[in-house]
Amino acid sequence: MTTTSLDQPYRGGFVGPEHRFALTVYFEDTDTAGIVYYANYLKFMERARSDMLRAAEIDQRAALEADTGVYAVAEANVRYLRPAKLGDDLVIVSTVEEVRAASVRIQQRVIRAGETLAEGRITAAFLTPDGRPTRQPRDWVARFEEIRAATKETQ
């Protein structure tokens, strides 16, 4: 079987300090009225954050396999402004808002055609394999700070 570019999963990427991740709302994402179920916004944001970490060359899988640690959501705040609907094309825009020794806070917006539908702030704590907070790897902190610095440059 020949492999083509269509066989590769979609990846978002950075545009300046913002990570952009596009997706389409499918039937499975909606309720019977064709409106996106509220909890699915968290799933959309999770996919976008995971992709953002990958684009930032933060290898969670390697850290997990090496028993270094892993990120876990410690806090999630979501504000719903307008509903997304079946068939909508959405963009999840993620920016690094704050970096601390053992956590990172990421601001995310779910956007349809330039209109913000939902806003979220997610705090991800870096945990040891036994679930205790620990310092993030230094190179990861440095990468987050580079991303934040790009945010300050564009303001």
C-alpha atoms as a PDB file:
ATOM      1  CA  MET A   1       0.000   0.000   0.000  1.00  0.00           C
ATOM      2  CA  THR A   2       1.327   3.418  -0.950  1.00  0.00           C
ATOM      3  CA  THR A   3       1.395   6.072   1.766  1.00  0.00           C
ATOM      4  CA  THR A   4       0.195   9.565   0.870  1.00  0.00           C
ATOM      5  CA  SER A   5      -0.065  12.843   2.737  1.00  0.00           C
ATOM      6  CA  LEU A   6      -3.728  12.002   3.339  1.00  0.00           C
ATOM      7  CA  ASP A   7      -2.592   9.129   5.548  1.00  0.00           C
ATOM      8  CA  GLN A   8      -1.015  11.552   8.022  1.00  0.00           C
ATOM      9  CA  PRO A   9      -3.025  12.964  10.939  1.00  0.00           C
ATOM     10  CA  TYR A  10      -3.759  16.683  10.836  1.00  0.00           C
ATOM     11  CA  ARG A  11      -1.385  18.848  12.859  1.00  0.00           C
ATOM     12  CA  GLY A  12      -1.954  22.442  13.887  1.00  0.00           C
ATOM     13  CA  GLY A  13       0.880  24.865  14.389  1.00  0.00           C
ATOM     14  CA  PHE A  14       2.079  28.188  15.675  1.00  0.00           C
ATOM     15  CA  VAL A  15       1.274  31.496  14.037  1.00  0.00           C
ATOM     16  CA  GLY A  16       3.441  33.814  16.092  1.00  0.00           C
ATOM     17  CA  PRO A  17       2.629  33.135  19.751  1.00  0.00           C
ATOM     18  CA  GLU A  18      -0.701  31.444  18.996  1.00  0.00           C
ATOM     19  CA  HIS A  19      -1.125  27.763  18.375  1.00  0.00           C
ATOM     20  CA  ARG A  20      -3.967  27.144  15.915  1.00  0.00           C
ATOM     21  CA  PHE A  21      -5.780  23.823  15.611  1.00  0.00           C
ATOM     22  CA  ALA A  22      -8.676  23.399  13.178  1.00  0.00           C
ATOM     23  CA  LEU A  23     -11.456  20.832  13.378  1.00  0.00           C
ATOM     24  CA  THR A  24     -14.935  20.162  12.074  1.00  0.00           C
ATOM     25  CA  VAL A  25     -17.953  19.469  14.288  1.00  0.00           C
ATOM     26  CA  TYR A  26     -19.212  15.954  13.610  1.00  0.00           C
ATOM     27  CA  PHE A  27     -22.525  14.339  14.509  1.00  0.00           C
ATOM     28  CA  GLU A  28     -20.923  12.567  17.488  1.00  0.00           C
ATOM     29  CA  ASP A  29     -20.030  15.983  18.976  1.00  0.00           C
ATOM     30  CA  THR A  30     -23.638  17.199  19.100  1.00  0.00           C
ATOM     31  CA  ASP A  31     -26.890  16.634  20.912  1.00  0.00           C
ATOM     32  CA  THR A  32     -30.162  15.803  19.132  1.00  0.00           C
ATOM     33  CA  ALA A  33     -30.616  19.480  18.191  1.00  0.00           C
ATOM     34  CA  GLY A  34     -27.268  19.543  16.354  1.00  0.00           C
ATOM     35  CA  ILE A  35     -25.639  21.748  19.022  1.00  0.00           C
ATOM     36  CA  VAL A  36     -22.192  20.843  20.383  1.00  0.00           C
ATOM     37  CA  TYR A  37     -22.527  19.215  23.791  1.00  0.00           C
ATOM     38  CA  TYR A  38     -20.844  21.464  26.387  1.00  0.00           C
ATOM     39  CA  ALA A  39     -18.285  18.875  27.556  1.00  0.00           C
ATOM     40  CA  ASN A  40     -17.018  18.409  24.009  1.00  0.00           C
ATOM     41  CA  TYR A  41     -15.512  21.897  24.065  1.00  0.00           C
ATOM     42  CA  LEU A  42     -13.125  20.515  26.711  1.00  0.00           C
ATOM     43  CA  LYS A  43     -12.257  17.649  24.344  1.00  0.00           C
ATOM     44  CA  PHE A  44     -11.600  20.097  21.516  1.00  0.00           C
ATOM     45  CA  MET A  45      -9.363  22.146  23.819  1.00  0.00           C
ATOM     46  CA  GLU A  46      -7.521  19.020  24.998  1.00  0.00           C
ATOM     47  CA  ARG A  47      -6.734  17.988  21.423  1.00  0.00           C
ATOM     48  CA  ALA A  48      -5.486  21.491  20.664  1.00  0.00           C
ATOM     49  CA  ARG A  49      -3.300  21.633  23.820  1.00  0.00           C
ATOM     50  CA  SER A  50      -1.827  18.212  23.104  1.00  0.00           C
ATOM     51  CA  ASP A  51      -1.043  19.315  19.570  1.00  0.00           C
ATOM     52  CA  MET A  52       0.420  22.577  20.876  1.00  0.00           C
ATOM     53  CA  LEU A  53       2.815  20.680  23.154  1.00  0.00           C
ATOM     54  CA  ARG A  54       3.872  18.492  20.250  1.00  0.00           C
ATOM     55  CA  ALA A  55       4.426  21.562  18.034  1.00  0.00           C
ATOM     56  CA  ALA A  56       6.502  23.093  20.860  1.00  0.00           C
ATOM     57  CA  GLU A  57       8.641  19.902  20.856  1.00  0.00           C
ATOM     58  CA  ILE A  58       7.474  18.910  24.329  1.00  0.00           C
ATOM     59  CA  ASP A  59       7.373  15.117  24.243  1.00  0.00           C
ATOM     60  CA  GLN A  60       4.897  14.005  26.890  1.00  0.00           C
ATOM     61  CA  ARG A  61       5.021  10.401  25.725  1.00  0.00           C
ATOM     62  CA  ALA A  62       8.802  10.187  26.198  1.00  0.00           C
ATOM     63  CA  ALA A  63       8.491  11.758  29.651  1.00  0.00           C
ATOM     64  CA  LEU A  64       5.760   9.295  30.571  1.00  0.00           C
ATOM     65  CA  GLU A  65       7.750   6.311  29.309  1.00  0.00           C
ATOM     66  CA  ALA A  66      10.868   7.534  31.179  1.00  0.00           C
ATOM     67  CA  ASP A  67       8.824   7.920  34.405  1.00  0.00           C
ATOM     68  CA  THR A  68       9.785  11.618  34.467  1.00  0.00           C
ATOM     69  CA  GLY A  69       6.244  12.864  34.846  1.00  0.00           C
ATOM     70  CA  VAL A  70       3.179  13.938  32.964  1.00  0.00           C
ATOM     71  CA  TYR A  71       0.779  16.852  32.737  1.00  0.00           C
ATOM     72  CA  ALA A  72      -2.659  16.588  34.312  1.00  0.00           C
ATOM     73  CA  VAL A  73      -5.366  19.225  34.268  1.00  0.00           C
ATOM     74  CA  ALA A  74      -5.524  20.791  37.720  1.00  0.00           C
ATOM     75  CA  GLU A  75      -8.086  23.466  36.889  1.00  0.00           C
ATOM     76  CA  ALA A  76     -10.410  24.198  33.977  1.00  0.00           C
ATOM     77  CA  ASN A  77     -12.582  27.270  33.555  1.00  0.00           C
ATOM     78  CA  VAL A  78     -14.759  27.551  30.473  1.00  0.00           C
ATOM     79  CA  ARG A  79     -17.092  30.367  29.470  1.00  0.00           C
ATOM     80  CA  TYR A  80     -19.610  29.525  26.759  1.00  0.00           C
ATOM     81  CA  LEU A  81     -20.658  32.445  24.569  1.00  0.00           C
ATOM     82  CA  ARG A  82     -22.406  30.962  21.518  1.00  0.00           C
ATOM     83  CA  PRO A  83     -23.162  27.417  20.382  1.00  0.00           C
ATOM     84  CA  ALA A  84     -21.199  25.543  17.758  1.00  0.00           C
ATOM     85  CA  LYS A  85     -23.305  23.402  15.446  1.00  0.00           C
ATOM     86  CA  LEU A  86     -23.089  20.276  13.338  1.00  0.00           C
ATOM     87  CA  GLY A  87     -20.832  20.871  10.336  1.00  0.00           C
ATOM     88  CA  ASP A  88     -19.150  24.006  11.716  1.00  0.00           C
ATOM     89  CA  ASP A  89     -15.455  24.455  11.016  1.00  0.00           C
ATOM     90  CA  LEU A  90     -13.740  25.624  14.198  1.00  0.00           C
ATOM     91  CA  VAL A  91     -10.287  26.850  15.147  1.00  0.00           C
ATOM     92  CA  ILE A  92      -8.966  26.402  18.652  1.00  0.00           C
ATOM     93  CA  VAL A  93      -6.441  29.162  19.423  1.00  0.00           C
ATOM     94  CA  SER A  94      -4.157  28.459  22.386  1.00  0.00           C
ATOM     95  CA  THR A  95      -1.685  30.796  24.065  1.00  0.00           C
ATOM     96  CA  VAL A  96       0.637  30.290  27.021  1.00  0.00           C
ATOM     97  CA  GLU A  97      -0.567  32.635  29.725  1.00  0.00           C
ATOM     98  CA  GLU A  98       1.590  31.751  32.727  1.00  0.00           C
ATOM     99  CA  VAL A  99       4.479  29.389  33.449  1.00  0.00           C
ATOM    100  CA  ARG A 100       5.298  28.306  36.978  1.00  0.00           C
ATOM    101  CA  ALA A 101       7.778  25.770  38.321  1.00  0.00           C
ATOM    102  CA  ALA A 102       5.308  22.886  38.300  1.00  0.00           C
ATOM    103  CA  SER A 103       2.489  24.115  36.057  1.00  0.00           C
ATOM    104  CA  VAL A 104       1.484  26.006  32.959  1.00  0.00           C
ATOM    105  CA  ARG A 105      -1.722  27.968  32.335  1.00  0.00           C
ATOM    106  CA  ILE A 106      -3.011  28.045  28.786  1.00  0.00           C
ATOM    107  CA  GLN A 107      -5.734  30.352  27.507  1.00  0.00           C
ATOM    108  CA  GLN A 108      -7.851  28.866  24.711  1.00  0.00           C
ATOM    109  CA  ARG A 109     -10.568  30.198  22.421  1.00  0.00           C
ATOM    110  CA  VAL A 110     -12.925  28.208  20.237  1.00  0.00           C
ATOM    111  CA  ILE A 111     -13.586  30.302  17.126  1.00  0.00           C
ATOM    112  CA  ARG A 112     -15.964  29.961  14.177  1.00  0.00           C
ATOM    113  CA  ALA A 113     -15.415  32.340  11.249  1.00  0.00           C
ATOM    114  CA  GLY A 114     -13.766  34.943  13.480  1.00  0.00           C
ATOM    115  CA  GLU A 115     -16.411  34.723  16.238  1.00  0.00           C
ATOM    116  CA  THR A 116     -15.379  33.414  19.669  1.00  0.00           C
ATOM    117  CA  LEU A 117     -17.796  30.709  20.805  1.00  0.00           C
ATOM    118  CA  ALA A 118     -16.084  29.647  24.026  1.00  0.00           C
ATOM    119  CA  GLU A 119     -13.116  30.728  26.119  1.00  0.00           C
ATOM    120  CA  GLY A 120     -11.151  28.504  28.454  1.00  0.00           C
ATOM    121  CA  ARG A 121      -8.275  28.750  30.891  1.00  0.00           C
ATOM    122  CA  ILE A 122      -6.626  25.472  31.690  1.00  0.00           C
ATOM    123  CA  THR A 123      -3.957  24.929  34.333  1.00  0.00           C
ATOM    124  CA  ALA A 124      -1.909  21.799  33.705  1.00  0.00           C
ATOM    125  CA  ALA A 125       0.213  20.595  36.600  1.00  0.00           C
ATOM    126  CA  PHE A 126       3.317  18.502  36.015  1.00  0.00           C
ATOM    127  CA  LEU A 127       3.085  15.373  38.179  1.00  0.00           C
ATOM    128  CA  THR A 128       5.448  12.583  39.127  1.00  0.00           C
ATOM    129  CA  PRO A 129       4.398   9.041  38.198  1.00  0.00           C
ATOM    130  CA  ASP A 130       2.851   8.698  41.671  1.00  0.00           C
ATOM    131  CA  GLY A 131       0.762  11.858  41.182  1.00  0.00           C
ATOM    132  CA  ARG A 132       2.706  14.471  43.136  1.00  0.00           C
ATOM    133  CA  PRO A 133       3.441  17.926  41.705  1.00  0.00           C
ATOM    134  CA  THR A 134       7.043  18.366  40.623  1.00  0.00           C
ATOM    135  CA  ARG A 135       9.107  20.841  38.621  1.00  0.00           C
ATOM    136  CA  GLN A 136       8.673  20.691  34.884  1.00  0.00           C
ATOM    137  CA  PRO A 137      11.745  19.838  32.827  1.00  0.00           C
ATOM    138  CA  ARG A 138      13.873  22.975  32.414  1.00  0.00           C
ATOM    139  CA  ASP A 139      13.870  22.816  28.633  1.00  0.00           C
ATOM    140  CA  TRP A 140      10.069  22.695  28.646  1.00  0.00           C
ATOM    141  CA  VAL A 141       9.880  25.769  30.881  1.00  0.00           C
ATOM    142  CA  ALA A 142      12.327  27.528  28.547  1.00  0.00           C
ATOM    143  CA  ARG A 143      10.194  26.627  25.531  1.00  0.00           C
ATOM    144  CA  PHE A 144       7.031  27.949  27.208  1.00  0.00           C
ATOM    145  CA  GLU A 145       8.873  31.155  28.084  1.00  0.00           C
ATOM    146  CA  GLU A 146       9.953  31.543  24.433  1.00  0.00           C
ATOM    147  CA  ILE A 147       6.316  31.210  23.381  1.00  0.00           C
ATOM    148  CA  ARG A 148       5.232  33.753  26.028  1.00  0.00           C
ATOM    149  CA  ALA A 149       7.971  36.142  24.903  1.00  0.00           C
ATOM    150  CA  ALA A 150       6.561  35.954  21.368  1.00  0.00           C
ATOM    151  CA  THR A 151       3.200  36.974  22.857  1.00  0.00           C
ATOM    152  CA  LYS A 152       4.730  40.053  24.476  1.00  0.00           C
ATOM    153  CA  GLU A 153       6.469  41.012  21.212  1.00  0.00           C
ATOM    154  CA  THR A 154       3.164  41.069  19.320  1.00  0.00           C
ATOM    155  CA  GLN A 155       1.355  43.257  21.888  1.00  0.00           C
END
